[in-house]
């Protein structure tokens, strides 16, 4: 009894030991949307200029917006290596690389370069970014043909409109549903021809603070073409086009991103400084595209 009391008393007067050294620093989020989102909106001021610099923004988890005011480029980071989707124009490549550096990441950690569709404003910077990163370029079969030649294919509705771009060496061809994986990051390519023959919509999951979201980088899919081109004269291509829009509508989709930020109201969304969650975003996007396509076909019919 007396021994127990003595031990208890001794315990009460033991000195408090303070560990030597600095306490572990908790890494702060890089370019959090709450801060960087409004900064992006202010910097761009509604501009769709392809070459106007925009600050990088953490969209969610390991997914970042690193493009310009008028053109998206998406960085997905992973300890095993990073993935970059879209290279903007040839002049945008340096702006994209600079944004990766501003986030504190190394451009040489990019292992894969992906593409939404094979036009100069999204593929023009891929050749330079391939040199800067040493990354492998991954493309759909139709994309690969255009990237290798540096110009749209004859089947492209905008073949007579879009300019050339530096040819790109394609390292890997992917088909519908064939995963692109690095570390714990898995991206699913969905072939969505329409805006171009080789267009891809990219789909992946991203997690943050124990919460996971399904992210969709949906291709443009707008019915833009050269003056002489009529979608109604190409029934097989038109059927594929409608199927592509339906694919996007059916995807699990918490956060929608698009190759042109304005196509998904990015400035207005980022200005709020809030998460971009919207489970109906892909469905609403597909509905708008369907209306645009229907309106285009109606104009073609009226012009006969």
Protein backbone atom coordinates (compact mmCIF):
# COMPACT_ATOMS: atom_id res chain seq x y z
CA UNK A 1 0.00 0.00 0.00
CA UNK A 2 2.74 2.43 1.02
CA UNK A 3 4.80 1.42 -2.04
CA UNK A 4 1.87 2.11 -4.36
CA UNK A 5 1.35 5.54 -2.82
CA UNK A 6 5.04 6.35 -3.25
CA UNK A 7 5.01 5.34 -6.91
CA UNK A 8 1.91 7.44 -7.54
CA UNK A 9 3.53 10.45 -5.92
CA UNK A 10 6.68 9.98 -7.97
CA UNK A 11 4.65 9.78 -11.16
CA UNK A 12 3.10 13.13 -10.40
CA UNK A 13 6.46 14.89 -10.25
CA UNK A 14 8.11 13.27 -13.27
CA UNK A 15 9.35 15.99 -15.67
CA UNK A 16 7.57 16.49 -18.99
CA UNK A 17 9.87 15.46 -21.85
CA UNK A 18 9.70 17.67 -24.95
CA UNK A 19 11.00 15.96 -28.15
CA UNK A 20 13.92 17.70 -29.79
CA UNK A 21 13.68 18.98 -33.36
CA UNK A 22 10.91 20.63 -35.38
CA UNK A 23 7.41 19.14 -35.38
CA UNK A 24 6.32 17.39 -38.56
CA UNK A 25 4.92 19.85 -41.07
CA UNK A 26 1.58 18.97 -42.61
CA UNK A 27 1.69 19.61 -46.34
CA UNK A 28 -0.81 22.24 -47.37
CA UNK A 29 -2.91 21.72 -50.52
CA UNK A 30 -1.32 23.20 -53.63
CA UNK A 31 -3.45 25.87 -55.34
CA UNK A 32 -6.67 24.94 -53.47
CA UNK A 33 -9.81 25.72 -55.42
CA UNK A 34 -11.10 27.93 -52.59
CA UNK A 35 -8.23 30.38 -53.25
CA UNK A 36 -6.94 29.60 -56.73
CA UNK A 37 -10.41 29.27 -58.26
CA UNK A 38 -11.36 32.94 -57.80
CA UNK A 39 -7.81 33.91 -58.81
CA UNK A 40 -8.29 32.01 -62.09
CA UNK A 41 -11.60 33.76 -62.74
CA UNK A 42 -10.08 37.19 -62.08
CA UNK A 43 -6.99 36.52 -64.20
CA UNK A 44 -9.06 35.39 -67.16
CA UNK A 45 -11.88 37.93 -66.80
CA UNK A 46 -14.11 35.97 -69.15
CA UNK A 47 -11.38 35.67 -71.76
CA UNK A 48 -11.26 32.70 -74.12
CA UNK A 49 -7.80 33.68 -75.38
CA UNK A 50 -5.84 30.52 -76.12
CA UNK A 51 -2.54 32.14 -75.14
CA UNK A 52 -3.58 34.12 -72.06
CA UNK A 53 -1.84 32.72 -68.96
CA UNK A 54 -4.02 31.40 -66.16
CA UNK A 55 -2.95 30.28 -62.69
CA UNK A 56 -3.06 26.57 -61.87
CA UNK A 57 -5.99 25.29 -59.80
CA UNK A 58 -6.42 22.12 -57.78
CA UNK A 59 -9.74 20.78 -59.04
CA UNK A 60 -9.95 17.84 -56.62
CA UNK A 61 -7.51 15.41 -55.05
CA UNK A 62 -4.62 14.80 -57.43
CA UNK A 63 -6.29 16.57 -60.38
CA UNK A 64 -5.17 20.07 -61.42
CA UNK A 65 -6.11 22.56 -64.13
CA UNK A 66 -2.83 23.81 -65.65
CA UNK A 67 -3.85 25.30 -69.01
CA UNK A 68 -4.62 28.81 -70.23
CA UNK A 69 -7.75 30.94 -70.07
CA UNK A 70 -9.04 29.53 -73.36
CA UNK A 71 -7.61 26.00 -73.41
CA UNK A 72 -7.66 23.36 -70.69
CA UNK A 73 -4.76 21.12 -69.78
CA UNK A 74 -5.22 18.62 -66.96
CA UNK A 75 -2.48 17.31 -64.68
CA UNK A 76 -3.07 14.12 -62.69
CA UNK A 77 -0.32 13.41 -60.17
CA UNK A 78 0.79 10.10 -58.70
CA UNK A 79 3.91 9.06 -56.74
CA UNK A 80 4.74 6.69 -59.61
CA UNK A 81 4.56 9.47 -62.22
CA UNK A 82 2.16 12.07 -63.58
CA UNK A 83 -0.26 12.24 -66.51
CA UNK A 84 -0.99 15.34 -68.58
CA UNK A 85 -4.03 15.63 -70.84
CA UNK A 86 -3.81 18.12 -73.74
CA UNK A 87 -0.94 20.39 -74.73
CA UNK A 88 -2.79 23.48 -75.93
CA UNK A 89 -1.30 25.32 -78.87
CA UNK A 90 2.40 25.18 -79.70
CA UNK A 91 2.88 28.46 -77.81
CA UNK A 92 0.95 27.13 -74.79
CA UNK A 93 3.44 24.34 -74.05
CA UNK A 94 5.72 26.65 -72.05
CA UNK A 95 2.78 28.11 -70.11
CA UNK A 96 1.60 24.62 -69.19
CA UNK A 97 5.10 23.58 -68.11
CA UNK A 98 5.38 26.76 -66.03
CA UNK A 99 2.08 26.02 -64.26
CA UNK A 100 3.28 22.53 -63.38
CA UNK A 101 6.36 24.13 -61.85
CA UNK A 102 4.27 26.69 -59.93
CA UNK A 103 2.47 23.81 -58.25
CA UNK A 104 5.81 22.45 -57.06
CA UNK A 105 5.79 19.46 -59.38
CA UNK A 106 8.53 18.58 -61.86
CA UNK A 107 7.63 18.56 -65.53
CA UNK A 108 10.01 15.62 -65.98
CA UNK A 109 7.75 13.54 -63.71
CA UNK A 110 5.07 13.49 -66.43
CA UNK A 111 5.07 9.94 -67.81
CA UNK A 112 2.08 10.03 -70.17
CA UNK A 113 0.75 12.72 -72.52
CA UNK A 114 -2.88 12.24 -73.56
CA UNK A 115 -5.13 14.15 -75.94
CA UNK A 116 -8.83 15.03 -76.12
CA UNK A 117 -8.96 15.70 -79.86
CA UNK A 118 -6.54 16.19 -82.70
CA UNK A 119 -6.70 19.94 -83.46
CA UNK A 120 -3.89 22.49 -83.18
CA UNK A 121 -5.42 24.15 -80.10
CA UNK A 122 -5.22 20.94 -78.05
CA UNK A 123 -2.44 18.99 -79.75
CA UNK A 124 -0.16 21.81 -80.92
CA UNK A 125 1.94 21.78 -77.76
CA UNK A 126 2.30 18.00 -77.44
CA UNK A 127 5.52 17.72 -79.45
CA UNK A 128 7.31 20.29 -77.28
CA UNK A 129 5.90 18.85 -74.08
CA UNK A 130 7.08 15.42 -75.19
CA UNK A 131 10.60 16.85 -75.51
CA UNK A 132 10.39 18.61 -72.14
CA UNK A 133 9.02 15.62 -70.25
CA UNK A 134 10.31 12.57 -72.09
CA UNK A 135 6.77 11.20 -71.68
CA UNK A 136 5.00 8.68 -73.88
CA UNK A 137 2.18 10.00 -76.06
CA UNK A 138 -0.98 7.91 -75.95
CA UNK A 139 -3.66 8.32 -78.64
CA UNK A 140 -6.63 6.69 -80.32
CA UNK A 141 -6.08 5.18 -83.80
CA UNK A 142 -7.62 8.18 -85.61
CA UNK A 143 -5.85 10.63 -83.31
CA UNK A 144 -2.52 8.94 -83.99
CA UNK A 145 -2.83 9.46 -87.75
CA UNK A 146 -3.51 13.17 -87.32
CA UNK A 147 -0.82 13.64 -84.67
CA UNK A 148 1.80 11.92 -86.81
CA UNK A 149 1.01 14.14 -89.80
CA UNK A 150 0.46 17.35 -87.84
CA UNK A 151 -2.91 18.05 -89.45
CA UNK A 152 -6.54 16.88 -89.28
CA UNK A 153 -7.54 13.83 -91.30
CA UNK A 154 -9.84 14.10 -94.32
CA UNK A 155 -12.72 12.63 -92.30
CA UNK A 156 -12.61 15.54 -89.84
CA UNK A 157 -15.60 17.90 -90.30
CA UNK A 158 -13.17 20.80 -89.71
CA UNK A 159 -10.39 19.52 -91.96
CA UNK A 160 -10.60 22.60 -94.17
CA UNK A 161 -10.65 24.98 -91.19
CA UNK A 162 -7.98 23.87 -88.75
CA UNK A 163 -4.33 24.66 -89.25
CA UNK A 164 -1.32 22.41 -88.96
CA UNK A 165 0.75 21.75 -85.84
CA UNK A 166 4.13 20.15 -85.06
CA UNK A 167 3.92 16.39 -85.76
CA UNK A 168 3.94 14.18 -82.69
CA UNK A 169 5.49 10.74 -82.22
CA UNK A 170 2.80 8.45 -80.79
CA UNK A 171 4.13 5.73 -78.51
CA UNK A 172 0.95 3.85 -77.73
CA UNK A 173 -2.46 3.33 -79.33
CA UNK A 174 -5.48 2.83 -77.07
CA UNK A 175 -8.96 1.68 -77.98
CA UNK A 176 -12.27 2.15 -76.24
CA UNK A 177 -12.07 1.16 -72.57
CA UNK A 178 -8.34 0.25 -72.66
CA UNK A 179 -6.97 1.64 -69.41
CA UNK A 180 -4.01 3.96 -69.01
CA UNK A 181 -2.53 3.18 -65.60
CA UNK A 182 0.37 4.50 -63.55
CA UNK A 183 0.71 3.76 -59.85
CA UNK A 184 -2.73 4.06 -58.29
CA UNK A 185 -4.07 6.27 -61.07
CA UNK A 186 -6.26 4.64 -63.71
CA UNK A 187 -7.74 6.58 -66.62
CA UNK A 188 -10.40 5.14 -68.90
CA UNK A 189 -10.51 6.33 -72.53
CA UNK A 190 -13.91 6.45 -74.19
CA UNK A 191 -13.90 6.90 -77.94
CA UNK A 192 -16.25 9.81 -78.63
CA UNK A 193 -15.98 10.74 -82.34
CA UNK A 194 -18.05 13.68 -83.52
CA UNK A 195 -16.15 16.93 -83.16
CA UNK A 196 -13.22 14.97 -84.64
CA UNK A 197 -12.91 11.32 -85.73
CA UNK A 198 -10.33 10.46 -83.06
CA UNK A 199 -11.76 12.30 -80.06
CA UNK A 200 -11.46 10.76 -76.61
CA UNK A 201 -13.40 11.48 -73.43
CA UNK A 202 -11.25 10.63 -70.39
CA UNK A 203 -12.72 9.31 -67.13
CA UNK A 204 -11.00 8.68 -63.78
CA UNK A 205 -11.46 8.74 -60.01
CA UNK A 206 -9.73 11.10 -57.61
CA UNK A 207 -9.77 11.11 -53.79
CA UNK A 208 -9.25 13.82 -51.19
CA UNK A 209 -9.59 13.61 -47.39
CA UNK A 210 -11.29 10.22 -47.62
CA UNK A 211 -13.78 11.44 -50.24
CA UNK A 212 -13.64 10.20 -53.83
CA UNK A 213 -15.09 11.77 -56.95
CA UNK A 214 -15.56 10.57 -60.53
CA UNK A 215 -14.06 13.11 -62.94
CA UNK A 216 -14.93 13.31 -66.64
CA UNK A 217 -12.88 15.29 -69.15
CA UNK A 218 -15.53 15.26 -71.86
CA UNK A 219 -14.50 16.08 -75.40
CA UNK A 220 -15.90 19.18 -77.08
CA UNK A 221 -18.43 17.27 -79.24
CA UNK A 222 -19.77 20.46 -80.80
CA UNK A 223 -21.07 20.25 -84.41
CA UNK A 224 -18.58 22.68 -85.92
CA UNK A 225 -17.45 22.16 -89.50
CA UNK A 226 -16.18 23.74 -92.69
CA UNK A 227 -18.88 25.50 -94.72
CA UNK A 228 -19.13 22.74 -97.31
CA UNK A 229 -19.47 19.92 -94.79
CA UNK A 230 -22.93 18.54 -93.98
CA UNK A 231 -23.32 16.10 -91.09
CA UNK A 232 -26.51 14.79 -92.70
CA UNK A 233 -24.48 13.62 -95.71
CA UNK A 234 -22.51 11.26 -93.44
CA UNK A 235 -25.11 9.02 -91.74
CA UNK A 236 -22.59 6.54 -90.32
CA UNK A 237 -20.49 9.30 -88.79
CA UNK A 238 -23.64 11.00 -87.51
CA UNK A 239 -24.70 7.77 -85.77
CA UNK A 240 -21.30 7.56 -84.09
CA UNK A 241 -21.63 11.20 -83.08
CA UNK A 242 -24.96 10.61 -81.34
CA UNK A 243 -23.55 7.51 -79.67
CA UNK A 244 -20.65 9.59 -78.32
CA UNK A 245 -23.01 12.10 -76.72
CA UNK A 246 -24.98 9.25 -75.17
CA UNK A 247 -21.76 7.80 -73.73
CA UNK A 248 -20.98 11.06 -71.96
CA UNK A 249 -24.52 11.31 -70.59
CA UNK A 250 -24.32 7.80 -69.12
CA UNK A 251 -20.96 8.20 -67.33
CA UNK A 252 -20.62 8.32 -63.54
CA UNK A 253 -19.80 12.01 -63.32
CA UNK A 254 -19.29 14.09 -60.20
CA UNK A 255 -17.03 16.73 -61.78
CA UNK A 256 -17.13 17.78 -65.45
CA UNK A 257 -14.11 19.28 -67.21
CA UNK A 258 -13.92 20.25 -70.89
CA UNK A 259 -11.10 21.06 -73.40
CA UNK A 260 -12.38 24.64 -73.65
CA UNK A 261 -13.07 25.94 -70.12
CA UNK A 262 -15.94 28.08 -71.38
CA UNK A 263 -17.82 25.00 -72.63
CA UNK A 264 -18.51 24.00 -69.03
CA UNK A 265 -18.77 27.49 -67.51
CA UNK A 266 -15.41 27.15 -65.78
CA UNK A 267 -14.94 30.85 -65.00
CA UNK A 268 -18.31 31.12 -63.29
CA UNK A 269 -17.79 27.89 -61.37
CA UNK A 270 -14.27 28.71 -60.21
CA UNK A 271 -15.25 32.24 -59.19
CA UNK A 272 -17.35 30.74 -56.38
CA UNK A 273 -14.30 29.14 -54.77
CA UNK A 274 -16.26 25.98 -54.05
CA UNK A 275 -15.94 22.32 -55.09
CA UNK A 276 -17.17 21.69 -58.63
CA UNK A 277 -19.38 18.73 -57.69
CA UNK A 278 -22.48 18.40 -59.87
CA UNK A 279 -23.86 14.88 -60.45
CA UNK A 280 -25.99 16.17 -63.34
CA UNK A 281 -23.17 18.01 -65.14
CA UNK A 282 -22.47 15.36 -67.78
CA UNK A 283 -26.17 14.79 -68.46
CA UNK A 284 -26.78 18.51 -68.87
CA UNK A 285 -23.69 18.86 -71.07
CA UNK A 286 -24.92 16.02 -73.28
CA UNK A 287 -28.37 17.60 -73.49
CA UNK A 288 -26.87 20.90 -74.70
CA UNK A 289 -24.78 19.07 -77.29
CA UNK A 290 -27.81 17.13 -78.54
CA UNK A 291 -29.70 20.38 -79.02
CA UNK A 292 -26.75 21.93 -80.89
CA UNK A 293 -26.54 18.92 -83.17
CA UNK A 294 -30.30 18.86 -83.79
CA UNK A 295 -30.26 22.59 -84.57
CA UNK A 296 -27.40 22.07 -87.00
CA UNK A 297 -29.22 19.24 -88.79
CA UNK A 298 -32.36 21.38 -89.00
CA UNK A 299 -30.34 24.16 -90.69
CA UNK A 300 -28.90 21.66 -93.14
CA UNK A 301 -32.37 20.39 -93.99
CA UNK A 302 -33.71 23.93 -94.45
CA UNK A 303 -30.83 24.80 -96.78
CA UNK A 304 -31.70 22.07 -99.28
